């Protein structure tokens, strides 16, 4: 029996992820080196995240490309909103599979953004008809006359 390696993306998961990835056309004029396959780049990203090694130490022998290539792909996919869309897709599938029970969910307020800033408190009403006198200064020109003329 073979153990499943956590950074190898199974076909069933790849079928969900691949449509979410932005399509990058190869340049016609100065095409350069052929782009690393997205699935291999994803596996390189998962390897680095799983093992917590620095990006530059991603072993070339694995065939996942360089650490810098994987890091750039992670950045580009993040900016394209791939991870948010994948998260929403998987969250939508979990209740149907009986894997998620929202009745036991808790929202911690430091992680949830208030889009409209929440309700503004009403301004405190004045309780006195006039403002209080300033205790640090006197309305007269000279509060304490100098003893010297």
N, C-alpha and C. Protein backbone atom coordinates (compact mmCIF):
# COMPACT_ATOMS: atom_id res chain seq x y z
N UNK A 1 0.85 -1.18 0.00
CA UNK A 1 0.00 0.00 0.00
C UNK A 1 0.89 1.25 0.00
N UNK A 2 0.59 2.19 -0.87
CA UNK A 2 1.38 3.42 -0.98
C UNK A 2 0.79 4.50 -0.09
N UNK A 3 1.67 5.23 0.56
CA UNK A 3 1.21 6.37 1.35
C UNK A 3 1.06 7.58 0.44
N UNK A 4 0.07 8.37 0.69
CA UNK A 4 -0.17 9.58 -0.09
C UNK A 4 0.76 10.67 0.40
N UNK A 5 1.47 11.30 -0.54
CA UNK A 5 2.38 12.40 -0.21
C UNK A 5 1.55 13.69 -0.23
N UNK A 6 1.59 14.51 0.82
CA UNK A 6 0.69 15.66 0.94
C UNK A 6 0.84 16.72 -0.14
N UNK A 7 1.98 16.82 -0.79
CA UNK A 7 2.16 17.89 -1.78
C UNK A 7 1.86 17.43 -3.20
N UNK A 8 1.54 16.16 -3.39
CA UNK A 8 1.15 15.67 -4.72
C UNK A 8 -0.35 15.89 -4.88
N UNK A 9 -0.72 16.65 -5.92
CA UNK A 9 -2.13 17.01 -6.14
C UNK A 9 -2.82 15.87 -6.90
N UNK A 10 -3.83 15.31 -6.28
CA UNK A 10 -4.58 14.22 -6.90
C UNK A 10 -5.43 14.76 -8.04
N UNK A 11 -5.77 13.88 -8.98
CA UNK A 11 -6.53 14.28 -10.16
C UNK A 11 -7.87 14.92 -9.80
N UNK A 12 -8.56 14.38 -8.79
CA UNK A 12 -9.88 14.92 -8.42
C UNK A 12 -9.77 16.36 -7.92
N UNK A 13 -8.71 16.69 -7.19
CA UNK A 13 -8.51 18.05 -6.72
C UNK A 13 -8.06 18.95 -7.88
N UNK A 14 -7.18 18.43 -8.73
CA UNK A 14 -6.68 19.22 -9.85
C UNK A 14 -7.83 19.61 -10.80
N UNK A 15 -8.81 18.75 -10.96
CA UNK A 15 -9.97 19.06 -11.81
C UNK A 15 -10.75 20.27 -11.27
N UNK A 16 -10.71 20.49 -9.98
CA UNK A 16 -11.38 21.66 -9.39
C UNK A 16 -10.51 22.91 -9.49
N UNK A 17 -9.20 22.73 -9.33
CA UNK A 17 -8.29 23.89 -9.29
C UNK A 17 -8.00 24.45 -10.68
N UNK A 18 -7.75 23.59 -11.64
CA UNK A 18 -7.29 24.04 -12.96
C UNK A 18 -8.18 25.10 -13.61
N UNK A 19 -9.52 24.95 -13.58
CA UNK A 19 -10.35 26.00 -14.22
C UNK A 19 -10.25 27.36 -13.53
N UNK A 20 -9.80 27.40 -12.29
CA UNK A 20 -9.70 28.66 -11.56
C UNK A 20 -8.42 29.44 -11.89
N UNK A 21 -7.44 28.76 -12.45
CA UNK A 21 -6.14 29.39 -12.72
C UNK A 21 -6.22 30.27 -13.96
N UNK A 22 -5.57 31.43 -13.92
CA UNK A 22 -5.57 32.30 -15.09
C UNK A 22 -4.79 31.66 -16.24
N UNK A 23 -5.31 31.84 -17.45
CA UNK A 23 -4.63 31.32 -18.64
C UNK A 23 -3.59 32.33 -19.08
N UNK A 24 -2.35 31.87 -19.25
CA UNK A 24 -1.25 32.74 -19.66
C UNK A 24 -0.81 32.30 -21.05
N UNK A 25 -0.97 33.19 -22.01
CA UNK A 25 -0.55 32.90 -23.38
C UNK A 25 0.96 33.05 -23.51
N UNK A 26 1.56 32.20 -24.28
CA UNK A 26 3.00 32.29 -24.53
C UNK A 26 3.25 33.40 -25.55
N UNK A 27 4.28 34.18 -25.30
CA UNK A 27 4.63 35.26 -26.23
C UNK A 27 5.03 34.67 -27.57
N UNK A 28 4.60 35.32 -28.64
CA UNK A 28 4.97 34.85 -29.97
C UNK A 28 6.36 35.36 -30.36
N UNK A 29 6.61 36.61 -30.09
CA UNK A 29 7.90 37.20 -30.43
C UNK A 29 8.80 37.07 -29.20
N UNK A 30 9.86 36.47 -29.18
CA UNK A 30 10.73 36.19 -28.03
C UNK A 30 10.01 35.30 -27.01
N UNK A 31 9.64 34.09 -27.38
CA UNK A 31 8.88 33.25 -26.46
C UNK A 31 9.66 32.81 -25.22
N UNK A 32 10.98 32.72 -25.31
CA UNK A 32 11.76 32.31 -24.15
C UNK A 32 11.54 30.86 -23.79
N UNK A 33 11.89 30.53 -22.56
CA UNK A 33 11.76 29.17 -22.07
C UNK A 33 10.28 28.83 -21.91
N UNK A 34 9.95 27.56 -22.13
CA UNK A 34 8.57 27.11 -21.98
C UNK A 34 8.16 27.21 -20.50
N UNK A 35 6.97 27.70 -20.27
CA UNK A 35 6.44 27.89 -18.92
C UNK A 35 6.28 26.55 -18.20
N UNK A 36 6.61 26.53 -16.91
CA UNK A 36 6.44 25.34 -16.09
C UNK A 36 4.95 25.03 -15.97
N UNK A 37 4.62 23.76 -16.07
CA UNK A 37 3.24 23.32 -15.94
C UNK A 37 2.65 23.78 -14.60
N UNK A 38 1.41 24.28 -14.63
CA UNK A 38 0.77 24.82 -13.43
C UNK A 38 0.66 23.77 -12.32
N UNK A 39 0.38 22.54 -12.69
CA UNK A 39 0.22 21.50 -11.67
C UNK A 39 1.55 21.25 -10.95
N UNK A 40 2.65 21.24 -11.71
CA UNK A 40 3.96 21.06 -11.08
C UNK A 40 4.30 22.25 -10.18
N UNK A 41 3.96 23.46 -10.63
CA UNK A 41 4.22 24.65 -9.81
C UNK A 41 3.41 24.57 -8.51
N UNK A 42 2.15 24.14 -8.60
CA UNK A 42 1.33 24.01 -7.40
C UNK A 42 1.93 22.99 -6.45
N UNK A 43 2.42 21.89 -6.97
CA UNK A 43 3.04 20.88 -6.11
C UNK A 43 4.31 21.41 -5.47
N UNK A 44 5.05 22.24 -6.19
CA UNK A 44 6.23 22.87 -5.60
C UNK A 44 5.84 23.81 -4.47
N UNK A 45 4.76 24.58 -4.68
CA UNK A 45 4.25 25.49 -3.64
C UNK A 45 3.85 24.68 -2.41
N UNK A 46 3.11 23.62 -2.62
CA UNK A 46 2.66 22.79 -1.49
C UNK A 46 3.84 22.14 -0.77
N UNK A 47 4.87 21.74 -1.52
CA UNK A 47 6.05 21.14 -0.89
C UNK A 47 6.73 22.15 0.03
N UNK A 48 6.92 23.37 -0.46
CA UNK A 48 7.57 24.40 0.36
C UNK A 48 6.73 24.73 1.59
N UNK A 49 5.43 24.87 1.41
CA UNK A 49 4.57 25.21 2.54
C UNK A 49 4.50 24.06 3.55
N UNK A 50 4.48 22.83 3.05
CA UNK A 50 4.38 21.67 3.94
C UNK A 50 5.67 21.45 4.73
N UNK A 51 6.80 21.59 4.05
CA UNK A 51 8.08 21.32 4.71
C UNK A 51 8.66 22.54 5.41
N UNK A 52 8.13 23.72 5.11
CA UNK A 52 8.58 24.99 5.70
C UNK A 52 10.04 25.31 5.37
N UNK A 53 10.49 24.86 4.21
CA UNK A 53 11.85 25.21 3.78
C UNK A 53 11.81 26.57 3.08
N UNK A 54 12.93 27.27 3.01
CA UNK A 54 12.97 28.51 2.23
C UNK A 54 12.74 28.20 0.75
N UNK A 55 12.13 29.14 0.05
CA UNK A 55 11.82 28.96 -1.38
C UNK A 55 13.05 28.57 -2.17
N UNK A 56 14.18 29.20 -1.89
CA UNK A 56 15.38 28.94 -2.69
C UNK A 56 15.94 27.54 -2.49
N UNK A 57 15.48 26.82 -1.49
CA UNK A 57 15.97 25.46 -1.24
C UNK A 57 15.07 24.37 -1.81
N UNK A 58 14.10 24.73 -2.62
CA UNK A 58 13.23 23.73 -3.24
C UNK A 58 14.09 22.82 -4.12
N UNK A 59 14.13 21.52 -3.84
CA UNK A 59 15.01 20.62 -4.60
C UNK A 59 14.61 20.52 -6.08
N UNK A 60 15.55 20.77 -6.97
CA UNK A 60 15.29 20.68 -8.41
C UNK A 60 14.97 19.24 -8.83
N UNK A 61 15.46 18.27 -8.08
CA UNK A 61 15.24 16.86 -8.42
C UNK A 61 13.77 16.47 -8.39
N UNK A 62 12.96 17.22 -7.67
CA UNK A 62 11.54 16.90 -7.59
C UNK A 62 10.79 17.22 -8.88
N UNK A 63 11.37 18.11 -9.69
CA UNK A 63 10.73 18.46 -10.96
C UNK A 63 9.66 19.53 -10.83
N UNK A 64 9.64 20.27 -9.72
CA UNK A 64 8.64 21.30 -9.47
C UNK A 64 9.10 22.69 -9.91
N UNK A 65 10.23 22.76 -10.59
CA UNK A 65 10.76 24.06 -10.98
C UNK A 65 11.56 24.67 -9.85
N UNK A 66 11.97 25.92 -10.06
CA UNK A 66 12.75 26.59 -9.02
C UNK A 66 11.82 27.16 -7.96
N UNK A 67 12.39 27.42 -6.81
CA UNK A 67 11.61 28.04 -5.74
C UNK A 67 11.08 29.41 -6.14
N UNK A 68 11.88 30.16 -6.90
CA UNK A 68 11.44 31.49 -7.32
C UNK A 68 10.26 31.40 -8.28
N UNK A 69 10.29 30.41 -9.18
CA UNK A 69 9.17 30.21 -10.11
C UNK A 69 7.91 29.89 -9.32
N UNK A 70 8.01 29.00 -8.36
CA UNK A 70 6.85 28.62 -7.54
C UNK A 70 6.35 29.81 -6.72
N UNK A 71 7.28 30.60 -6.18
CA UNK A 71 6.89 31.76 -5.39
C UNK A 71 6.15 32.77 -6.26
N UNK A 72 6.66 33.02 -7.48
CA UNK A 72 5.99 33.96 -8.39
C UNK A 72 4.60 33.47 -8.77
N UNK A 73 4.48 32.18 -9.00
CA UNK A 73 3.18 31.61 -9.36
C UNK A 73 2.20 31.76 -8.20
N UNK A 74 2.67 31.51 -6.98
CA UNK A 74 1.83 31.70 -5.79
C UNK A 74 1.37 33.16 -5.71
N UNK A 75 2.28 34.10 -5.90
CA UNK A 75 1.95 35.53 -5.87
C UNK A 75 0.93 35.88 -6.94
N UNK A 76 1.15 35.43 -8.17
CA UNK A 76 0.25 35.74 -9.27
C UNK A 76 -1.14 35.15 -9.04
N UNK A 77 -1.19 33.93 -8.56
CA UNK A 77 -2.49 33.29 -8.30
C UNK A 77 -3.21 33.97 -7.15
N UNK A 78 -2.46 34.42 -6.17
CA UNK A 78 -3.07 35.16 -5.06
C UNK A 78 -3.69 36.46 -5.57
N UNK A 79 -2.93 37.20 -6.38
CA UNK A 79 -3.42 38.47 -6.93
C UNK A 79 -4.62 38.25 -7.85
N UNK A 80 -4.69 37.10 -8.51
CA UNK A 80 -5.81 36.79 -9.41
C UNK A 80 -7.03 36.27 -8.64
N UNK A 81 -6.91 36.08 -7.33
CA UNK A 81 -8.04 35.63 -6.51
C UNK A 81 -8.31 34.13 -6.57
N UNK A 82 -7.33 33.36 -7.02
CA UNK A 82 -7.51 31.91 -7.16
C UNK A 82 -7.82 31.26 -5.83
N UNK A 83 -7.09 31.62 -4.78
CA UNK A 83 -7.26 30.96 -3.49
C UNK A 83 -8.61 31.27 -2.87
N UNK A 84 -9.09 32.50 -3.03
CA UNK A 84 -10.42 32.84 -2.50
C UNK A 84 -11.51 32.06 -3.22
N UNK A 85 -11.39 31.97 -4.55
CA UNK A 85 -12.40 31.22 -5.33
C UNK A 85 -12.36 29.73 -5.00
N UNK A 86 -11.15 29.18 -4.83
CA UNK A 86 -11.04 27.76 -4.46
C UNK A 86 -11.64 27.52 -3.08
N UNK A 87 -11.38 28.42 -2.16
CA UNK A 87 -11.93 28.31 -0.81
C UNK A 87 -13.46 28.30 -0.86
N UNK A 88 -14.04 29.22 -1.63
CA UNK A 88 -15.50 29.27 -1.76
C UNK A 88 -16.05 28.00 -2.41
N UNK A 89 -15.37 27.52 -3.44
CA UNK A 89 -15.80 26.30 -4.12
C UNK A 89 -15.81 25.11 -3.17
N UNK A 90 -14.73 24.94 -2.42
CA UNK A 90 -14.65 23.80 -1.49
C UNK A 90 -15.63 23.95 -0.34
N UNK A 91 -15.84 25.17 0.14
CA UNK A 91 -16.83 25.39 1.20
C UNK A 91 -18.24 25.04 0.72
N UNK A 92 -18.52 25.30 -0.55
CA UNK A 92 -19.85 24.98 -1.09
C UNK A 92 -20.04 23.47 -1.21
N UNK A 93 -18.97 22.73 -1.44
CA UNK A 93 -19.07 21.28 -1.60
C UNK A 93 -19.16 20.53 -0.26
N UNK A 94 -18.59 21.07 0.78
CA UNK A 94 -18.53 20.36 2.06
C UNK A 94 -19.90 20.06 2.67
N UNK A 95 -20.84 21.01 2.73
CA UNK A 95 -22.14 20.67 3.33
C UNK A 95 -22.87 19.58 2.55
N UNK A 96 -22.76 19.60 1.23
CA UNK A 96 -23.43 18.58 0.42
C UNK A 96 -22.84 17.20 0.69
N UNK A 97 -21.57 17.14 1.02
CA UNK A 97 -20.92 15.87 1.32
C UNK A 97 -21.06 15.49 2.80
N UNK A 98 -21.76 16.32 3.57
CA UNK A 98 -21.93 16.04 4.99
C UNK A 98 -20.66 16.25 5.79
N UNK A 99 -19.75 17.07 5.30
CA UNK A 99 -18.47 17.29 5.96
C UNK A 99 -18.40 18.61 6.72
N UNK A 100 -19.47 19.41 6.67
CA UNK A 100 -19.45 20.71 7.33
C UNK A 100 -20.78 20.97 8.00
N UNK A 101 -20.74 21.30 9.28
CA UNK A 101 -21.94 21.57 10.05
C UNK A 101 -21.88 23.01 10.54
N UNK A 102 -22.61 23.90 9.88
CA UNK A 102 -22.57 25.33 10.22
C UNK A 102 -23.22 25.62 11.57
N UNK A 103 -23.98 24.69 12.14
CA UNK A 103 -24.62 24.95 13.42
C UNK A 103 -23.60 25.06 14.55
N UNK A 104 -22.39 24.59 14.32
CA UNK A 104 -21.35 24.65 15.34
C UNK A 104 -20.24 25.63 14.98
N UNK A 105 -20.53 26.56 14.09
CA UNK A 105 -19.52 27.53 13.65
C UNK A 105 -19.47 28.72 14.61
N UNK A 106 -18.29 29.28 14.77
CA UNK A 106 -18.09 30.46 15.61
C UNK A 106 -17.30 31.47 14.79
N UNK A 107 -17.72 32.71 14.84
CA UNK A 107 -16.99 33.77 14.16
C UNK A 107 -16.28 34.60 15.21
N UNK A 108 -15.00 34.74 15.05
CA UNK A 108 -14.19 35.52 15.97
C UNK A 108 -14.02 36.90 15.36
N UNK A 109 -14.41 37.94 16.06
CA UNK A 109 -14.53 39.28 15.47
C UNK A 109 -13.22 39.88 14.99
N UNK A 110 -12.09 39.45 15.47
CA UNK A 110 -10.83 40.04 15.00
C UNK A 110 -10.48 39.57 13.60
N UNK A 111 -11.16 38.51 13.11
CA UNK A 111 -10.86 37.99 11.77
C UNK A 111 -11.95 38.34 10.76
N UNK A 112 -13.02 38.98 11.17
CA UNK A 112 -14.11 39.30 10.27
C UNK A 112 -14.17 40.81 10.10
N UNK A 113 -14.07 41.24 8.86
CA UNK A 113 -14.06 42.66 8.56
C UNK A 113 -15.48 43.22 8.54
N UNK A 114 -15.71 44.34 9.19
CA UNK A 114 -17.00 45.02 9.14
C UNK A 114 -17.00 45.91 7.91
N UNK A 115 -17.73 45.51 6.88
CA UNK A 115 -17.66 46.20 5.58
C UNK A 115 -18.11 47.65 5.66
N UNK A 116 -19.13 47.93 6.40
CA UNK A 116 -19.65 49.29 6.49
C UNK A 116 -19.20 49.98 7.77
N UNK A 117 -18.35 49.35 8.53
CA UNK A 117 -17.85 49.95 9.76
C UNK A 117 -18.77 49.76 10.95
N UNK A 118 -19.89 49.13 10.77
CA UNK A 118 -20.81 48.90 11.88
C UNK A 118 -21.59 50.16 12.19
N UNK A 119 -22.59 50.06 13.08
CA UNK A 119 -23.39 51.24 13.42
C UNK A 119 -22.58 52.25 14.22
N UNK A 120 -22.79 53.49 13.93
CA UNK A 120 -22.10 54.56 14.65
C UNK A 120 -22.90 54.88 15.92
N UNK A 121 -22.24 55.03 17.05
CA UNK A 121 -22.96 55.37 18.27
C UNK A 121 -23.51 56.79 18.17
N UNK A 122 -24.66 57.01 18.80
CA UNK A 122 -25.26 58.34 18.79
C UNK A 122 -24.40 59.30 19.61
N UNK A 123 -24.41 60.55 19.22
CA UNK A 123 -23.62 61.54 19.95
C UNK A 123 -24.24 61.76 21.34
N UNK A 124 -23.39 61.86 22.35
CA UNK A 124 -23.88 62.04 23.71
C UNK A 124 -24.56 63.40 23.85
N UNK A 125 -25.72 63.39 24.48
CA UNK A 125 -26.44 64.64 24.69
C UNK A 125 -25.84 65.41 25.85
N UNK A 126 -25.96 66.73 25.79
CA UNK A 126 -25.50 67.58 26.89
C UNK A 126 -26.45 67.42 28.07
N UNK A 127 -25.93 67.39 29.27
CA UNK A 127 -26.78 67.25 30.46
C UNK A 127 -26.96 68.57 31.19
N UNK A 128 -26.16 69.56 30.85
CA UNK A 128 -26.26 70.87 31.51
C UNK A 128 -26.67 71.90 30.46
N UNK A 129 -27.40 72.95 30.89
CA UNK A 129 -27.82 73.95 29.91
C UNK A 129 -26.66 74.77 29.34
N UNK A 130 -25.60 74.98 30.13
CA UNK A 130 -24.45 75.77 29.66
C UNK A 130 -23.18 74.95 29.85
N UNK A 131 -22.17 75.33 29.08
CA UNK A 131 -20.90 74.66 29.24
C UNK A 131 -20.26 75.02 30.57
N UNK A 132 -19.53 74.12 31.15
CA UNK A 132 -18.84 74.38 32.42
C UNK A 132 -17.72 75.39 32.20
N UNK A 133 -17.41 76.11 33.26
CA UNK A 133 -16.32 77.09 33.20
C UNK A 133 -15.00 76.35 33.12
N UNK A 134 -14.06 76.95 32.45
CA UNK A 134 -12.73 76.38 32.33
C UNK A 134 -12.01 76.57 33.67
N UNK A 135 -11.55 75.50 34.25
CA UNK A 135 -10.91 75.57 35.56
C UNK A 135 -9.44 75.96 35.47
N UNK A 136 -8.88 76.00 34.29
CA UNK A 136 -7.44 76.29 34.17
C UNK A 136 -7.15 77.75 33.87
N UNK A 137 -8.15 78.53 33.54
CA UNK A 137 -7.91 79.96 33.29
C UNK A 137 -9.07 80.76 33.84
N UNK A 138 -8.86 82.03 34.03
CA UNK A 138 -9.87 82.91 34.60
C UNK A 138 -10.39 83.83 33.52
N UNK A 139 -11.66 84.19 33.59
CA UNK A 139 -12.18 85.11 32.58
C UNK A 139 -11.63 86.52 32.76
N UNK A 140 -11.08 86.82 33.95
CA UNK A 140 -10.50 88.15 34.16
C UNK A 140 -9.14 88.24 33.54
N UNK A 141 -8.69 89.47 33.34
CA UNK A 141 -7.39 89.73 32.74
C UNK A 141 -6.29 89.09 33.56
N UNK A 142 -6.32 89.33 34.86
CA UNK A 142 -5.27 88.84 35.72
C UNK A 142 -5.92 88.14 36.90
N UNK A 143 -5.74 86.84 37.00
CA UNK A 143 -6.39 86.08 38.05
C UNK A 143 -5.79 86.40 39.41
N UNK A 144 -4.50 86.45 39.50
CA UNK A 144 -3.85 86.77 40.76
C UNK A 144 -2.95 87.99 40.52
N UNK A 145 -3.38 89.16 41.04
CA UNK A 145 -2.57 90.36 40.80
C UNK A 145 -1.20 90.24 41.44
N UNK A 146 -0.25 90.77 40.73
CA UNK A 146 1.12 90.73 41.21
C UNK A 146 1.26 91.64 42.43
N UNK A 147 2.01 91.22 43.48
CA UNK A 147 2.17 92.08 44.66
C UNK A 147 3.06 93.27 44.36
N UNK A 148 3.84 93.23 43.32
CA UNK A 148 4.70 94.36 42.96
C UNK A 148 3.96 95.26 41.99
N UNK A 149 4.02 96.62 42.25
CA UNK A 149 3.32 97.53 41.33
C UNK A 149 3.98 97.70 40.00
